[in-house]
């Protein structure tokens, strides 16, 4: 048996999400863990090439001029808003 101890805000969030899902808190927590493990197993079986295939397909539809325009627009917006610090 596995016991998890959540307190404060984390426990409150877990309760809210469980309620919205129509599950008991314990069942919801178990579902989260099972889903997470399943996603991890799937990721381990999937190559980076398979993961990136949709990105490559989408990128092939965009020409270099459009990419440059998007990058320049993002840079300009970043300059206007000031650089955000990363943790």
N, C-alpha and C. Protein backbone atom coordinates (compact mmCIF):
# COMPACT_ATOMS: atom_id res chain seq x y z
N UNK A 1 0.84 -1.18 0.00
CA UNK A 1 0.00 0.00 0.00
C UNK A 1 0.89 1.24 0.00
N UNK A 2 0.46 2.23 -0.73
CA UNK A 2 1.17 3.50 -0.85
C UNK A 2 0.33 4.59 -0.19
N UNK A 3 0.97 5.40 0.63
CA UNK A 3 0.26 6.52 1.24
C UNK A 3 0.92 7.81 0.79
N UNK A 4 0.10 8.75 0.39
CA UNK A 4 0.58 10.07 -0.02
C UNK A 4 0.00 11.10 0.93
N UNK A 5 0.81 12.07 1.28
CA UNK A 5 0.33 13.12 2.18
C UNK A 5 0.41 14.46 1.47
N UNK A 6 -0.76 15.01 1.22
CA UNK A 6 -0.85 16.34 0.63
C UNK A 6 -1.38 17.28 1.70
N UNK A 7 -0.87 18.49 1.67
CA UNK A 7 -1.32 19.48 2.65
C UNK A 7 -1.63 20.79 1.94
N UNK A 8 -2.34 21.62 2.63
CA UNK A 8 -2.58 22.99 2.18
C UNK A 8 -3.17 23.10 0.79
N UNK A 9 -2.54 23.96 -0.01
CA UNK A 9 -3.05 24.29 -1.34
C UNK A 9 -3.08 23.08 -2.27
N UNK A 10 -2.07 22.22 -2.17
CA UNK A 10 -2.03 21.03 -3.03
C UNK A 10 -3.21 20.11 -2.75
N UNK A 11 -3.52 19.93 -1.49
CA UNK A 11 -4.66 19.09 -1.13
C UNK A 11 -5.96 19.73 -1.59
N UNK A 12 -6.07 21.03 -1.44
CA UNK A 12 -7.28 21.73 -1.88
C UNK A 12 -7.47 21.59 -3.39
N UNK A 13 -6.38 21.74 -4.15
CA UNK A 13 -6.46 21.57 -5.61
C UNK A 13 -6.87 20.16 -5.98
N UNK A 14 -6.29 19.19 -5.29
CA UNK A 14 -6.62 17.79 -5.56
C UNK A 14 -8.10 17.53 -5.29
N UNK A 15 -8.61 18.06 -4.20
CA UNK A 15 -10.02 17.87 -3.88
C UNK A 15 -10.93 18.50 -4.92
N UNK A 16 -10.59 19.71 -5.35
CA UNK A 16 -11.41 20.41 -6.35
C UNK A 16 -11.43 19.63 -7.66
N UNK A 17 -10.27 19.21 -8.11
CA UNK A 17 -10.19 18.48 -9.38
C UNK A 17 -10.88 17.13 -9.30
N UNK A 18 -10.76 16.48 -8.16
CA UNK A 18 -11.45 15.20 -7.98
C UNK A 18 -12.95 15.39 -8.05
N UNK A 19 -13.42 16.43 -7.39
CA UNK A 19 -14.86 16.72 -7.39
C UNK A 19 -15.36 17.01 -8.81
N UNK A 20 -14.59 17.80 -9.57
CA UNK A 20 -14.98 18.12 -10.95
C UNK A 20 -14.97 16.87 -11.83
N UNK A 21 -14.15 15.90 -11.47
CA UNK A 21 -14.07 14.66 -12.24
C UNK A 21 -15.10 13.63 -11.78
N UNK A 22 -15.77 13.93 -10.66
CA UNK A 22 -16.76 13.00 -10.14
C UNK A 22 -16.14 11.80 -9.45
N UNK A 23 -14.90 11.97 -8.96
CA UNK A 23 -14.19 10.87 -8.31
C UNK A 23 -13.87 11.21 -6.87
N UNK A 24 -13.69 10.18 -6.08
CA UNK A 24 -13.17 10.39 -4.72
C UNK A 24 -11.73 10.85 -4.84
N UNK A 25 -11.26 11.58 -3.86
CA UNK A 25 -9.90 12.13 -3.90
C UNK A 25 -8.89 11.01 -4.11
N UNK A 26 -9.02 9.91 -3.40
CA UNK A 26 -8.08 8.80 -3.52
C UNK A 26 -8.09 8.21 -4.93
N UNK A 27 -9.29 8.06 -5.50
CA UNK A 27 -9.41 7.50 -6.85
C UNK A 27 -8.81 8.46 -7.88
N UNK A 28 -9.04 9.75 -7.68
CA UNK A 28 -8.49 10.74 -8.60
C UNK A 28 -6.97 10.75 -8.55
N UNK A 29 -6.41 10.70 -7.34
CA UNK A 29 -4.95 10.67 -7.20
C UNK A 29 -4.37 9.42 -7.86
N UNK A 30 -5.01 8.29 -7.69
CA UNK A 30 -4.57 7.04 -8.33
C UNK A 30 -4.63 7.17 -9.84
N UNK A 31 -5.70 7.76 -10.35
CA UNK A 31 -5.82 7.97 -11.80
C UNK A 31 -4.70 8.85 -12.32
N UNK A 32 -4.37 9.93 -11.60
CA UNK A 32 -3.27 10.81 -12.02
C UNK A 32 -1.96 10.05 -12.10
N UNK A 33 -1.68 9.24 -11.10
CA UNK A 33 -0.44 8.47 -11.09
C UNK A 33 -0.41 7.45 -12.23
N UNK A 34 -1.51 6.75 -12.42
CA UNK A 34 -1.57 5.76 -13.50
C UNK A 34 -1.42 6.42 -14.87
N UNK A 35 -2.09 7.57 -15.07
CA UNK A 35 -1.98 8.29 -16.35
C UNK A 35 -0.55 8.77 -16.58
N UNK A 36 0.07 9.27 -15.54
CA UNK A 36 1.44 9.76 -15.65
C UNK A 36 2.40 8.63 -16.03
N UNK A 37 2.25 7.48 -15.38
CA UNK A 37 3.11 6.34 -15.69
C UNK A 37 2.87 5.85 -17.12
N UNK A 38 1.63 5.85 -17.55
CA UNK A 38 1.31 5.43 -18.93
C UNK A 38 1.95 6.37 -19.95
N UNK A 39 1.86 7.68 -19.69
CA UNK A 39 2.46 8.65 -20.61
C UNK A 39 3.98 8.49 -20.65
N UNK A 40 4.57 8.23 -19.50
CA UNK A 40 6.02 8.05 -19.45
C UNK A 40 6.43 6.81 -20.24
N UNK A 41 5.69 5.73 -20.09
CA UNK A 41 5.99 4.51 -20.84
C UNK A 41 5.84 4.75 -22.34
N UNK A 42 4.81 5.47 -22.73
CA UNK A 42 4.60 5.79 -24.15
C UNK A 42 5.75 6.64 -24.67
N UNK A 43 6.18 7.62 -23.90
CA UNK A 43 7.29 8.48 -24.30
C UNK A 43 8.57 7.68 -24.47
N UNK A 44 8.79 6.73 -23.60
CA UNK A 44 9.99 5.90 -23.69
C UNK A 44 9.98 5.01 -24.92
N UNK A 45 8.79 4.65 -25.40
CA UNK A 45 8.67 3.80 -26.59
C UNK A 45 8.68 4.61 -27.89
N UNK A 46 8.53 5.92 -27.79
CA UNK A 46 8.40 6.77 -28.97
C UNK A 46 9.72 7.48 -29.25
N UNK A 47 10.17 7.39 -30.49
CA UNK A 47 11.43 8.06 -30.85
C UNK A 47 11.20 9.56 -31.01
N UNK A 48 12.27 10.31 -30.92
CA UNK A 48 12.18 11.76 -31.12
C UNK A 48 11.72 12.07 -32.54
N UNK A 49 12.07 11.22 -33.46
CA UNK A 49 11.63 11.40 -34.84
C UNK A 49 10.11 11.31 -34.95
N UNK A 50 9.52 10.35 -34.25
CA UNK A 50 8.07 10.20 -34.26
C UNK A 50 7.39 11.39 -33.58
N UNK A 51 7.99 11.85 -32.49
CA UNK A 51 7.42 12.97 -31.76
C UNK A 51 7.46 14.24 -32.60
N UNK A 52 8.55 14.44 -33.32
CA UNK A 52 8.74 15.67 -34.09
C UNK A 52 8.08 15.64 -35.47
N UNK A 53 7.59 14.52 -35.92
CA UNK A 53 6.99 14.41 -37.26
C UNK A 53 5.90 15.45 -37.51
N UNK A 54 4.95 15.66 -36.60
CA UNK A 54 3.93 16.68 -36.86
C UNK A 54 4.51 18.09 -36.97
N UNK A 55 5.56 18.36 -36.18
CA UNK A 55 6.20 19.68 -36.23
C UNK A 55 6.87 19.86 -37.59
N UNK A 56 7.56 18.84 -38.05
CA UNK A 56 8.23 18.92 -39.36
C UNK A 56 7.21 19.13 -40.49
N UNK A 57 6.10 18.40 -40.40
CA UNK A 57 5.07 18.56 -41.44
C UNK A 57 4.53 19.99 -41.45
N UNK A 58 4.25 20.51 -40.28
CA UNK A 58 3.73 21.88 -40.19
C UNK A 58 4.77 22.89 -40.65
N UNK A 59 6.03 22.68 -40.27
CA UNK A 59 7.10 23.62 -40.65
C UNK A 59 7.36 23.59 -42.15
N UNK A 60 7.12 22.47 -42.77
CA UNK A 60 7.38 22.38 -44.21
C UNK A 60 6.41 23.25 -45.01
N UNK A 61 5.32 23.63 -44.39
CA UNK A 61 4.31 24.46 -45.06
C UNK A 61 4.59 25.96 -44.90
N UNK A 62 5.63 26.29 -44.12
CA UNK A 62 5.98 27.69 -43.84
C UNK A 62 7.32 27.99 -44.50
N UNK A 63 7.38 29.06 -45.26
CA UNK A 63 8.65 29.39 -45.92
C UNK A 63 9.55 30.22 -45.00
N UNK A 64 10.81 30.36 -45.38
CA UNK A 64 11.80 31.06 -44.56
C UNK A 64 11.40 32.52 -44.28
N UNK A 65 10.78 33.16 -45.24
CA UNK A 65 10.37 34.55 -45.05
C UNK A 65 9.36 34.67 -43.93
N UNK A 66 8.40 33.76 -43.91
CA UNK A 66 7.38 33.78 -42.85
C UNK A 66 7.99 33.48 -41.49
N UNK A 67 8.91 32.52 -41.44
CA UNK A 67 9.59 32.19 -40.18
C UNK A 67 10.36 33.41 -39.68
N UNK A 68 11.11 34.06 -40.58
CA UNK A 68 11.88 35.26 -40.19
C UNK A 68 10.96 36.35 -39.67
N UNK A 69 9.83 36.53 -40.32
CA UNK A 69 8.87 37.53 -39.89
C UNK A 69 8.33 37.22 -38.50
N UNK A 70 8.02 35.96 -38.24
CA UNK A 70 7.53 35.55 -36.92
C UNK A 70 8.60 35.78 -35.84
N UNK A 71 9.84 35.42 -36.15
CA UNK A 71 10.94 35.60 -35.19
C UNK A 71 11.15 37.08 -34.90
N UNK A 72 11.18 37.88 -35.94
CA UNK A 72 11.38 39.33 -35.75
C UNK A 72 10.23 39.94 -34.95
N UNK A 73 9.03 39.51 -35.22
CA UNK A 73 7.88 40.00 -34.46
C UNK A 73 7.98 39.63 -32.98
N UNK A 74 8.42 38.40 -32.71
CA UNK A 74 8.59 37.97 -31.32
C UNK A 74 9.70 38.76 -30.64
N UNK A 75 10.78 39.02 -31.35
CA UNK A 75 11.88 39.81 -30.79
C UNK A 75 11.41 41.22 -30.47
N UNK A 76 10.68 41.82 -31.38
CA UNK A 76 10.18 43.18 -31.16
C UNK A 76 9.25 43.23 -29.95
N UNK A 77 8.38 42.26 -29.84
CA UNK A 77 7.46 42.20 -28.70
C UNK A 77 8.24 42.03 -27.40
N UNK A 78 9.28 41.22 -27.44
CA UNK A 78 10.11 41.00 -26.27
C UNK A 78 10.80 42.30 -25.85
N UNK A 79 11.30 43.05 -26.82
CA UNK A 79 11.96 44.33 -26.52
C UNK A 79 10.96 45.32 -25.93
N UNK A 80 9.74 45.35 -26.48
CA UNK A 80 8.72 46.28 -25.98
C UNK A 80 8.33 45.94 -24.54
N UNK A 81 8.23 44.68 -24.25
CA UNK A 81 7.77 44.24 -22.94
C UNK A 81 8.90 44.08 -21.95
N UNK A 82 10.12 44.26 -22.39
CA UNK A 82 11.26 44.04 -21.50
C UNK A 82 11.51 42.55 -21.38
N UNK A 83 12.73 42.23 -21.20
CA UNK A 83 13.07 40.80 -21.09
C UNK A 83 12.59 40.25 -19.77
N UNK A 84 11.98 39.09 -19.84
CA UNK A 84 11.51 38.43 -18.62
C UNK A 84 12.63 37.56 -18.08
N UNK A 85 12.79 37.61 -16.78
CA UNK A 85 13.83 36.81 -16.14
C UNK A 85 13.35 35.37 -16.05
N UNK A 86 14.27 34.44 -16.26
CA UNK A 86 13.94 33.04 -16.09
C UNK A 86 14.48 32.57 -14.76
N UNK A 87 13.85 31.54 -14.24
CA UNK A 87 14.30 31.02 -12.95
C UNK A 87 15.55 30.21 -13.08
